[in-house]
Protein backbone atom coordinates (compact mmCIF):
# COMPACT_ATOMS: atom_id res chain seq x y z
CA MET A 1 -2.19 -23.74 0.11
CA ASN A 2 0.22 -25.21 -2.16
CA ARG A 3 2.89 -23.31 -4.29
CA THR A 4 0.64 -23.35 -7.43
CA ASN A 5 -1.98 -21.25 -5.62
CA LYS A 6 0.41 -18.98 -3.57
CA LEU A 7 1.58 -18.21 -7.05
CA TYR A 8 -1.75 -17.81 -8.60
CA ASP A 9 -2.65 -15.55 -5.41
CA LEU A 10 0.36 -13.26 -6.13
CA LYS A 11 -0.34 -12.72 -9.67
CA GLU A 12 -3.90 -11.80 -9.00
CA LYS A 13 -2.90 -9.34 -6.48
CA ALA A 14 -0.29 -7.84 -8.88
CA ARG A 15 -3.22 -7.49 -11.66
CA GLU A 16 -5.40 -5.62 -9.13
CA ILE A 17 -2.39 -3.37 -8.07
CA GLU A 18 -1.44 -2.55 -11.60
CA ILE A 19 -5.17 -1.83 -12.26
CA ARG A 20 -5.06 0.63 -9.38
CA LEU A 21 -1.66 2.31 -10.40
CA THR A 22 -3.06 2.83 -13.91
CA ARG A 23 -6.06 4.42 -12.32
CA LEU A 24 -3.86 6.86 -10.07
CA ARG A 25 -1.92 7.70 -12.93
CA GLY A 26 -4.71 8.80 -14.92
CA GLN A 27 -5.96 10.78 -12.00
CA ILE A 28 -2.23 12.42 -11.82
CA GLU A 29 -2.38 13.11 -15.59
CA GLU A 30 -5.90 14.68 -15.38
CA ILE A 31 -4.56 17.24 -12.51
CA GLN A 32 -1.71 17.76 -14.17
CA ASN A 33 -3.31 19.01 -17.39
CA HIS A 34 -5.89 21.47 -15.47
CA ARG A 35 -2.70 22.99 -13.81
CA GLY A 36 -0.17 25.25 -15.02
CA SER A 37 -2.37 27.23 -17.40
CA ALA A 38 -0.63 30.29 -18.60
CA ASP A 39 -3.96 32.46 -17.76
CA LEU A 40 -4.00 31.15 -14.18
CA LYS A 41 -2.15 32.71 -11.61
CA ALA A 42 -2.16 32.67 -7.68
CA VAL A 43 -3.77 35.37 -5.76
CA VAL A 44 -3.59 36.18 -2.16
CA ASP A 45 -6.25 37.23 -0.09
CA PRO A 46 -4.88 39.72 2.52
CA GLY A 47 -7.62 39.21 4.85
CA ARG A 48 -6.73 35.51 5.29
CA CYS A 49 -2.68 35.35 4.68
CA VAL A 50 -0.95 35.50 8.03
CA ALA A 51 2.46 35.56 6.34
CA CYS A 52 3.51 32.00 7.96
CA GLY A 53 5.59 31.36 4.73
CA ILE A 54 4.40 27.86 3.85
CA CYS A 55 3.35 28.63 0.52
CA SER A 56 6.93 30.20 -0.11
CA ASP A 57 8.66 27.35 1.05
CA HIS A 58 6.74 25.19 -1.16
CA CYS A 59 6.65 27.19 -4.65
CA PRO A 60 8.66 25.40 -7.19
CA GLU A 61 9.19 28.50 -9.06
CA GLY A 62 10.35 30.56 -5.89
CA ALA A 63 7.29 32.97 -7.14
CA ILE A 64 6.32 33.80 -3.47
CA VAL A 65 7.97 36.38 -1.04
CA ILE A 66 6.63 36.63 2.28
CA GLU A 67 6.38 40.38 3.65
CA GLU A 68 3.45 41.72 5.55
CA ILE A 69 1.48 39.24 3.35
CA ALA A 70 2.52 36.43 0.61
CA TYR A 71 3.24 38.51 -2.42
CA ILE A 72 2.98 36.47 -5.82
CA ASP A 73 5.27 37.54 -8.41
CA PRO A 74 2.97 37.20 -11.65
CA ALA A 75 6.02 36.73 -14.11
CA ARG A 76 7.08 33.71 -12.02
CA CYS A 77 3.96 31.92 -11.15
CA ARG A 78 3.05 29.10 -13.45
CA GLY A 79 -0.48 28.57 -12.07
CA CYS A 80 0.50 25.00 -10.62
CA GLY A 81 -1.49 25.38 -7.67
CA ILE A 82 0.78 23.91 -5.05
CA CYS A 83 0.43 27.23 -2.91
CA VAL A 84 -3.38 26.89 -3.26
CA ASP A 85 -3.41 23.20 -1.90
CA ILE A 86 -0.70 23.89 1.05
CA CYS A 87 -2.16 27.17 2.52
CA ARG A 88 -3.81 25.86 5.79
CA ARG A 89 -5.82 29.47 5.73
CA GLY A 90 -7.34 29.02 2.41
CA ALA A 91 -5.92 32.70 1.57
CA ILE A 92 -4.67 31.69 -2.01
CA SER A 93 -6.60 30.89 -4.91
CA LEU A 94 -5.78 30.61 -8.93
CA GLY A 95 -7.78 32.83 -11.08
CA ARG A 96 -7.87 34.76 -14.41
CA GLY A 97 -7.05 38.19 -14.80
CA TRP A 98 -4.43 38.31 -12.15
CA ALA A 99 -3.33 41.81 -12.48
CA LYS A 100 -6.80 43.70 -11.83
CA GLU A 101 -7.46 41.19 -9.14
CA GLN A 102 -4.14 41.60 -7.04
CA GLU A 103 -4.23 45.33 -7.54
CA LYS A 104 -7.87 45.43 -6.21
CA LYS A 105 -7.00 43.52 -2.99
CA THR A 106 -3.47 44.67 -2.32
CA GLY A 107 -3.27 47.93 -4.21
CA THR A 108 -0.02 46.83 -6.20
CA ILE A 109 0.52 44.78 -9.14
């Protein structure tokens, strides 16, 4: 393969990578636009939570305190969903009407 062909191949690969990168940026933007909603808050299912602390370690807002189970401070939670994704037991979900749901599940607000 001569120099011209190598250059053409590299440029073609770069175009393919740029197309993939553009698609990935679009997916990232779509996910970010659906998260962080003020009306969505994380809710812990006490029947599934084992207080491992992984959610607390990854919460960018420091909104999660570990006691017997994870407790989420609604004033600090921005609804980003990182804790939902990181919880290996599926004990955290995002929902509306946070205070009523949390009170029903844990007896506290």
